[in-house]
Amino acid sequence: MTETYRPRRSVLYVPASNDKALSKITSLACDAVIIDLEDAVAPADKVSARQKLAGIFADRRNLRCEMVVRINPLSS
């Protein structure tokens, strides 16, 4: 099996509850975006943030960078 190495020189953290930042993800020229569903999102906003992420991942055609989601532990 051949794997392609992708260096991650620039990584941007974005809170999943920040609509303005999420709307700019498709235009970013970084290597990876880490969408934070953990500490950066208030407990009351988590359901809404998850729904926004579902929409982003449903239409990935315009994404130029790797997407990573940071979540809370499964026990929380």
PDB file of N, CA and C in Angstrom:
ATOM      1  N   MET A   1       0.835  -1.169   0.000  1.00  0.00           N
ATOM      2  CA  MET A   1       0.000   0.000   0.000  1.00  0.00           C
ATOM      3  C   MET A   1       0.889   1.244   0.000  1.00  0.00           C
ATOM      4  N   THR A   2       0.545   2.203  -0.809  1.00  0.00           N
ATOM      5  CA  THR A   2       1.286   3.446  -0.890  1.00  0.00           C
ATOM      6  C   THR A   2       0.498   4.549  -0.197  1.00  0.00           C
ATOM      7  N   GLU A   3       1.157   5.243   0.708  1.00  0.00           N
ATOM      8  CA  GLU A   3       0.516   6.351   1.403  1.00  0.00           C
ATOM      9  C   GLU A   3       1.185   7.650   0.998  1.00  0.00           C
ATOM     10  N   THR A   4       0.401   8.682   0.832  1.00  0.00           N
ATOM     11  CA  THR A   4       0.918   9.994   0.504  1.00  0.00           C
ATOM     12  C   THR A   4       1.087  10.785   1.789  1.00  0.00           C
ATOM     13  N   TYR A   5       2.264  11.331   1.976  1.00  0.00           N
ATOM     14  CA  TYR A   5       2.532  12.142   3.160  1.00  0.00           C
ATOM     15  C   TYR A   5       2.054  13.562   2.913  1.00  0.00           C
ATOM     16  N   ARG A   6       1.216  14.066   3.808  1.00  0.00           N
ATOM     17  CA  ARG A   6       0.737  15.441   3.720  1.00  0.00           C
ATOM     18  C   ARG A   6       1.251  16.221   4.915  1.00  0.00           C
ATOM     19  N   PRO A   7       2.212  17.092   4.717  1.00  0.00           N
ATOM     20  CA  PRO A   7       2.678  17.883   5.859  1.00  0.00           C
ATOM     21  C   PRO A   7       1.587  18.844   6.329  1.00  0.00           C
ATOM     22  N   ARG A   8       1.541  19.049   7.610  1.00  0.00           N
ATOM     23  CA  ARG A   8       0.579  19.986   8.192  1.00  0.00           C
ATOM     24  C   ARG A   8       1.374  21.131   8.819  1.00  0.00           C
ATOM     25  N   ARG A   9       1.722  22.075   7.993  1.00  0.00           N
ATOM     26  CA  ARG A   9       2.541  23.201   8.441  1.00  0.00           C
ATOM     27  C   ARG A   9       1.702  24.279   9.108  1.00  0.00           C
ATOM     28  N   SER A  10       0.499  24.467   8.617  1.00  0.00           N
ATOM     29  CA  SER A  10      -0.375  25.488   9.201  1.00  0.00           C
ATOM     30  C   SER A  10      -1.711  24.852   9.564  1.00  0.00           C
ATOM     31  N   VAL A  11      -2.065  24.988  10.835  1.00  0.00           N
ATOM     32  CA  VAL A  11      -3.295  24.394  11.357  1.00  0.00           C
ATOM     33  C   VAL A  11      -4.071  25.491  12.071  1.00  0.00           C
ATOM     34  N   LEU A  12      -5.357  25.597  11.777  1.00  0.00           N
ATOM     35  CA  LEU A  12      -6.202  26.630  12.362  1.00  0.00           C
ATOM     36  C   LEU A  12      -7.276  25.986  13.226  1.00  0.00           C
ATOM     37  N   TYR A  13      -7.411  26.448  14.457  1.00  0.00           N
ATOM     38  CA  TYR A  13      -8.489  26.006  15.344  1.00  0.00           C
ATOM     39  C   TYR A  13      -9.672  26.945  15.175  1.00  0.00           C
ATOM     40  N   VAL A  14     -10.875  26.367  15.010  1.00  0.00           N
ATOM     41  CA  VAL A  14     -12.094  27.147  14.842  1.00  0.00           C
ATOM     42  C   VAL A  14     -13.148  26.616  15.810  1.00  0.00           C
ATOM     43  N   PRO A  15     -13.738  27.474  16.642  1.00  0.00           N
ATOM     44  CA  PRO A  15     -14.826  27.009  17.503  1.00  0.00           C
ATOM     45  C   PRO A  15     -16.042  26.627  16.652  1.00  0.00           C
ATOM     46  N   ALA A  16     -16.640  25.508  16.943  1.00  0.00           N
ATOM     47  CA  ALA A  16     -17.780  25.038  16.152  1.00  0.00           C
ATOM     48  C   ALA A  16     -19.009  25.917  16.326  1.00  0.00           C
ATOM     49  N   SER A  17     -18.998  26.794  17.302  1.00  0.00           N
ATOM     50  CA  SER A  17     -20.141  27.684  17.521  1.00  0.00           C
ATOM     51  C   SER A  17     -19.960  29.047  16.856  1.00  0.00           C
ATOM     52  N   ASN A  18     -18.853  29.260  16.170  1.00  0.00           N
ATOM     53  CA  ASN A  18     -18.559  30.544  15.540  1.00  0.00           C
ATOM     54  C   ASN A  18     -18.972  30.503  14.069  1.00  0.00           C
ATOM     55  N   ASP A  19     -20.172  30.993  13.782  1.00  0.00           N
ATOM     56  CA  ASP A  19     -20.711  30.950  12.415  1.00  0.00           C
ATOM     57  C   ASP A  19     -19.828  31.681  11.411  1.00  0.00           C
ATOM     58  N   LYS A  20     -19.305  32.832  11.794  1.00  0.00           N
ATOM     59  CA  LYS A  20     -18.477  33.624  10.877  1.00  0.00           C
ATOM     60  C   LYS A  20     -17.217  32.851  10.479  1.00  0.00           C
ATOM     61  N   ALA A  21     -16.566  32.239  11.450  1.00  0.00           N
ATOM     62  CA  ALA A  21     -15.350  31.465  11.165  1.00  0.00           C
ATOM     63  C   ALA A  21     -15.668  30.221  10.339  1.00  0.00           C
ATOM     64  N   LEU A  22     -16.757  29.543  10.657  1.00  0.00           N
ATOM     65  CA  LEU A  22     -17.133  28.339   9.908  1.00  0.00           C
ATOM     66  C   LEU A  22     -17.430  28.658   8.447  1.00  0.00           C
ATOM     67  N   SER A  23     -18.019  29.815   8.196  1.00  0.00           N
ATOM     68  CA  SER A  23     -18.354  30.172   6.815  1.00  0.00           C
ATOM     69  C   SER A  23     -17.114  30.440   5.966  1.00  0.00           C
ATOM     70  N   LYS A  24     -15.981  30.697   6.598  1.00  0.00           N
ATOM     71  CA  LYS A  24     -14.743  30.996   5.869  1.00  0.00           C
ATOM     72  C   LYS A  24     -13.874  29.770   5.622  1.00  0.00           C
ATOM     73  N   ILE A  25     -14.265  28.620   6.136  1.00  0.00           N
ATOM     74  CA  ILE A  25     -13.429  27.422   6.026  1.00  0.00           C
ATOM     75  C   ILE A  25     -13.093  27.087   4.575  1.00  0.00           C
ATOM     76  N   THR A  26     -14.040  27.246   3.663  1.00  0.00           N
ATOM     77  CA  THR A  26     -13.798  26.864   2.267  1.00  0.00           C
ATOM     78  C   THR A  26     -12.768  27.759   1.582  1.00  0.00           C
ATOM     79  N   SER A  27     -12.521  28.939   2.111  1.00  0.00           N
ATOM     80  CA  SER A  27     -11.571  29.850   1.465  1.00  0.00           C
ATOM     81  C   SER A  27     -10.191  29.839   2.116  1.00  0.00           C
ATOM     82  N   LEU A  28     -10.001  29.033   3.140  1.00  0.00           N
ATOM     83  CA  LEU A  28      -8.725  29.022   3.856  1.00  0.00           C
ATOM     84  C   LEU A  28      -7.643  28.287   3.067  1.00  0.00           C
ATOM     85  N   ALA A  29      -6.435  28.795   3.156  1.00  0.00           N
ATOM     86  CA  ALA A  29      -5.304  28.178   2.456  1.00  0.00           C
ATOM     87  C   ALA A  29      -4.380  27.452   3.431  1.00  0.00           C
ATOM     88  N   CYS A  30      -4.910  27.006   4.555  1.00  0.00           N
ATOM     89  CA  CYS A  30      -4.084  26.287   5.528  1.00  0.00           C
ATOM     90  C   CYS A  30      -4.107  24.790   5.209  1.00  0.00           C
ATOM     91  N   ASP A  31      -3.235  24.039   5.867  1.00  0.00           N
ATOM     92  CA  ASP A  31      -3.161  22.596   5.627  1.00  0.00           C
ATOM     93  C   ASP A  31      -4.272  21.830   6.336  1.00  0.00           C
ATOM     94  N   ALA A  32      -4.711  22.324   7.495  1.00  0.00           N
ATOM     95  CA  ALA A  32      -5.763  21.631   8.245  1.00  0.00           C
ATOM     96  C   ALA A  32      -6.549  22.625   9.084  1.00  0.00           C
ATOM     97  N   VAL A  33      -7.814  22.307   9.292  1.00  0.00           N
ATOM     98  CA  VAL A  33      -8.679  23.068  10.187  1.00  0.00           C
ATOM     99  C   VAL A  33      -9.164  22.103  11.258  1.00  0.00           C
ATOM    100  N   ILE A  34      -8.982  22.501  12.509  1.00  0.00           N
ATOM    101  CA  ILE A  34      -9.486  21.708  13.621  1.00  0.00           C
ATOM    102  C   ILE A  34     -10.702  22.438  14.168  1.00  0.00           C
ATOM    103  N   ILE A  35     -11.857  21.826  14.006  1.00  0.00           N
ATOM    104  CA  ILE A  35     -13.098  22.419  14.493  1.00  0.00           C
ATOM    105  C   ILE A  35     -13.310  21.922  15.915  1.00  0.00           C
ATOM    106  N   ASP A  36     -13.362  22.862  16.839  1.00  0.00           N
ATOM    107  CA  ASP A  36     -13.396  22.533  18.261  1.00  0.00           C
ATOM    108  C   ASP A  36     -14.830  22.441  18.770  1.00  0.00           C
ATOM    109  N   LEU A  37     -15.231  21.236  19.138  1.00  0.00           N
ATOM    110  CA  LEU A  37     -16.536  21.012  19.768  1.00  0.00           C
ATOM    111  C   LEU A  37     -16.373  20.809  21.271  1.00  0.00           C
ATOM    112  N   GLU A  38     -15.171  20.925  21.771  1.00  0.00           N
ATOM    113  CA  GLU A  38     -14.916  20.626  23.177  1.00  0.00           C
ATOM    114  C   GLU A  38     -14.999  21.902  24.009  1.00  0.00           C
ATOM    115  N   ASP A  39     -13.874  22.473  24.363  1.00  0.00           N
ATOM    116  CA  ASP A  39     -13.834  23.604  25.290  1.00  0.00           C
ATOM    117  C   ASP A  39     -14.381  24.904  24.707  1.00  0.00           C
ATOM    118  N   ALA A  40     -14.299  25.081  23.421  1.00  0.00           N
ATOM    119  CA  ALA A  40     -14.681  26.352  22.812  1.00  0.00           C
ATOM    120  C   ALA A  40     -16.186  26.513  22.639  1.00  0.00           C
ATOM    121  N   VAL A  41     -16.950  25.470  22.915  1.00  0.00           N
ATOM    122  CA  VAL A  41     -18.401  25.520  22.717  1.00  0.00           C
ATOM    123  C   VAL A  41     -19.097  25.316  24.060  1.00  0.00           C
ATOM    124  N   ALA A  42     -19.976  26.241  24.398  1.00  0.00           N
ATOM    125  CA  ALA A  42     -20.742  26.123  25.639  1.00  0.00           C
ATOM    126  C   ALA A  42     -21.648  24.896  25.571  1.00  0.00           C
ATOM    127  N   PRO A  43     -21.867  24.221  26.687  1.00  0.00           N
ATOM    128  CA  PRO A  43     -22.727  23.026  26.683  1.00  0.00           C
ATOM    129  C   PRO A  43     -24.101  23.269  26.055  1.00  0.00           C
ATOM    130  N   ALA A  44     -24.660  24.440  26.254  1.00  0.00           N
ATOM    131  CA  ALA A  44     -25.980  24.746  25.691  1.00  0.00           C
ATOM    132  C   ALA A  44     -25.951  24.885  24.169  1.00  0.00           C
ATOM    133  N   ASP A  45     -24.778  25.114  23.588  1.00  0.00           N
ATOM    134  CA  ASP A  45     -24.651  25.320  22.139  1.00  0.00           C
ATOM    135  C   ASP A  45     -24.164  24.087  21.390  1.00  0.00           C
ATOM    136  N   LYS A  46     -23.889  23.000  22.078  1.00  0.00           N
ATOM    137  CA  LYS A  46     -23.281  21.823  21.438  1.00  0.00           C
ATOM    138  C   LYS A  46     -24.180  21.182  20.384  1.00  0.00           C
ATOM    139  N   VAL A  47     -25.472  21.050  20.653  1.00  0.00           N
ATOM    140  CA  VAL A  47     -26.376  20.420  19.681  1.00  0.00           C
ATOM    141  C   VAL A  47     -26.408  21.236  18.396  1.00  0.00           C
ATOM    142  N   SER A  48     -26.534  22.529  18.523  1.00  0.00           N
ATOM    143  CA  SER A  48     -26.548  23.411  17.352  1.00  0.00           C
ATOM    144  C   SER A  48     -25.229  23.333  16.584  1.00  0.00           C
ATOM    145  N   ALA A  49     -24.121  23.306  17.302  1.00  0.00           N
ATOM    146  CA  ALA A  49     -22.804  23.228  16.657  1.00  0.00           C
ATOM    147  C   ALA A  49     -22.644  21.913  15.902  1.00  0.00           C
ATOM    148  N   ARG A  50     -23.112  20.815  16.470  1.00  0.00           N
ATOM    149  CA  ARG A  50     -23.037  19.516  15.781  1.00  0.00           C
ATOM    150  C   ARG A  50     -23.844  19.539  14.490  1.00  0.00           C
ATOM    151  N   GLN A  51     -25.003  20.176  14.510  1.00  0.00           N
ATOM    152  CA  GLN A  51     -25.833  20.259  13.309  1.00  0.00           C
ATOM    153  C   GLN A  51     -25.136  21.071  12.223  1.00  0.00           C
ATOM    154  N   LYS A  52     -24.467  22.141  12.609  1.00  0.00           N
ATOM    155  CA  LYS A  52     -23.715  22.945  11.636  1.00  0.00           C
ATOM    156  C   LYS A  52     -22.601  22.115  10.998  1.00  0.00           C
ATOM    157  N   LEU A  53     -21.915  21.330  11.819  1.00  0.00           N
ATOM    158  CA  LEU A  53     -20.835  20.491  11.293  1.00  0.00           C
ATOM    159  C   LEU A  53     -21.355  19.438  10.335  1.00  0.00           C
ATOM    160  N   ALA A  54     -22.516  18.896  10.618  1.00  0.00           N
ATOM    161  CA  ALA A  54     -23.098  17.902   9.712  1.00  0.00           C
ATOM    162  C   ALA A  54     -23.295  18.513   8.330  1.00  0.00           C
ATOM    163  N   GLY A  55     -23.728  19.752   8.282  1.00  0.00           N
ATOM    164  CA  GLY A  55     -23.902  20.438   7.001  1.00  0.00           C
ATOM    165  C   GLY A  55     -22.586  20.685   6.290  1.00  0.00           C
ATOM    166  N   ILE A  56     -21.563  21.049   7.042  1.00  0.00           N
ATOM    167  CA  ILE A  56     -20.246  21.298   6.445  1.00  0.00           C
ATOM    168  C   ILE A  56     -19.670  20.016   5.857  1.00  0.00           C
ATOM    169  N   PHE A  57     -19.760  18.921   6.600  1.00  0.00           N
ATOM    170  CA  PHE A  57     -19.187  17.663   6.127  1.00  0.00           C
ATOM    171  C   PHE A  57     -20.036  17.011   5.037  1.00  0.00           C
ATOM    172  N   ALA A  58     -21.299  17.358   4.949  1.00  0.00           N
ATOM    173  CA  ALA A  58     -22.149  16.808   3.892  1.00  0.00           C
ATOM    174  C   ALA A  58     -21.730  17.345   2.523  1.00  0.00           C
ATOM    175  N   ASP A  59     -21.214  18.556   2.488  1.00  0.00           N
ATOM    176  CA  ASP A  59     -20.805  19.173   1.225  1.00  0.00           C
ATOM    177  C   ASP A  59     -19.328  19.560   1.314  1.00  0.00           C
ATOM    178  N   ARG A  60     -18.449  18.587   1.103  1.00  0.00           N
ATOM    179  CA  ARG A  60     -17.006  18.817   1.242  1.00  0.00           C
ATOM    180  C   ARG A  60     -16.328  19.153  -0.080  1.00  0.00           C
ATOM    181  N   ARG A  61     -17.046  19.296  -1.138  1.00  0.00           N
ATOM    182  CA  ARG A  61     -16.424  19.507  -2.453  1.00  0.00           C
ATOM    183  C   ARG A  61     -15.536  20.743  -2.497  1.00  0.00           C
ATOM    184  N   ASN A  62     -15.910  21.790  -1.780  1.00  0.00           N
ATOM    185  CA  ASN A  62     -15.165  23.046  -1.853  1.00  0.00           C
ATOM    186  C   ASN A  62     -14.063  23.175  -0.809  1.00  0.00           C
ATOM    187  N   LEU A  63     -13.887  22.162   0.013  1.00  0.00           N
ATOM    188  CA  LEU A  63     -12.866  22.239   1.056  1.00  0.00           C
ATOM    189  C   LEU A  63     -11.482  22.013   0.464  1.00  0.00           C
ATOM    190  N   ARG A  64     -10.546  22.888   0.800  1.00  0.00           N
ATOM    191  CA  ARG A  64      -9.182  22.791   0.286  1.00  0.00           C
ATOM    192  C   ARG A  64      -8.219  22.220   1.306  1.00  0.00           C
ATOM    193  N   CYS A  65      -8.684  22.000   2.524  1.00  0.00           N
ATOM    194  CA  CYS A  65      -7.779  21.550   3.581  1.00  0.00           C
ATOM    195  C   CYS A  65      -8.374  20.353   4.319  1.00  0.00           C
ATOM    196  N   GLU A  66      -7.519  19.705   5.078  1.00  0.00           N
ATOM    197  CA  GLU A  66      -7.963  18.575   5.889  1.00  0.00           C
ATOM    198  C   GLU A  66      -8.835  19.090   7.035  1.00  0.00           C
ATOM    199  N   MET A  67      -9.878  18.347   7.363  1.00  0.00           N
ATOM    200  CA  MET A  67     -10.792  18.731   8.440  1.00  0.00           C
ATOM    201  C   MET A  67     -10.665  17.747   9.589  1.00  0.00           C
ATOM    202  N   VAL A  68     -10.552  18.283  10.798  1.00  0.00           N
ATOM    203  CA  VAL A  68     -10.455  17.478  12.012  1.00  0.00           C
ATOM    204  C   VAL A  68     -11.463  18.049  12.999  1.00  0.00           C
ATOM    205  N   VAL A  69     -12.141  17.179  13.741  1.00  0.00           N
ATOM    206  CA  VAL A  69     -13.086  17.641  14.754  1.00  0.00           C
ATOM    207  C   VAL A  69     -12.580  17.208  16.121  1.00  0.00           C
ATOM    208  N   ARG A  70     -12.465  18.154  17.017  1.00  0.00           N
ATOM    209  CA  ARG A  70     -12.046  17.886  18.397  1.00  0.00           C
ATOM    210  C   ARG A  70     -13.312  17.750  19.236  1.00  0.00           C
ATOM    211  N   ILE A  71     -13.467  16.596  19.887  1.00  0.00           N
ATOM    212  CA  ILE A  71     -14.691  16.321  20.642  1.00  0.00           C
ATOM    213  C   ILE A  71     -14.392  16.102  22.124  1.00  0.00           C
ATOM    214  N   ASN A  72     -15.451  16.112  22.913  1.00  0.00           N
ATOM    215  CA  ASN A  72     -15.355  15.760  24.332  1.00  0.00           C
ATOM    216  C   ASN A  72     -15.175  14.258  24.449  1.00  0.00           C
ATOM    217  N   PRO A  73     -14.702  13.782  25.602  1.00  0.00           N
ATOM    218  CA  PRO A  73     -14.631  12.333  25.817  1.00  0.00           C
ATOM    219  C   PRO A  73     -16.019  11.703  25.700  1.00  0.00           C
ATOM    220  N   LEU A  74     -16.083  10.474  25.259  1.00  0.00           N
ATOM    221  CA  LEU A  74     -17.372   9.800  25.114  1.00  0.00           C
ATOM    222  C   LEU A  74     -18.089   9.659  26.444  1.00  0.00           C
ATOM    223  N   SER A  75     -17.354   9.705  27.536  1.00  0.00           N
ATOM    224  CA  SER A  75     -17.961   9.562  28.856  1.00  0.00           C
ATOM    225  C   SER A  75     -18.647  10.837  29.341  1.00  0.00           C
ATOM    226  N   SER A  76     -18.481  11.938  28.632  1.00  0.00           N
ATOM    227  CA  SER A  76     -19.071  13.202  29.101  1.00  0.00           C
ATOM    228  C   SER A  76     -20.478  13.398  28.585  1.00  0.00           C
TER     229      SER A  76
END
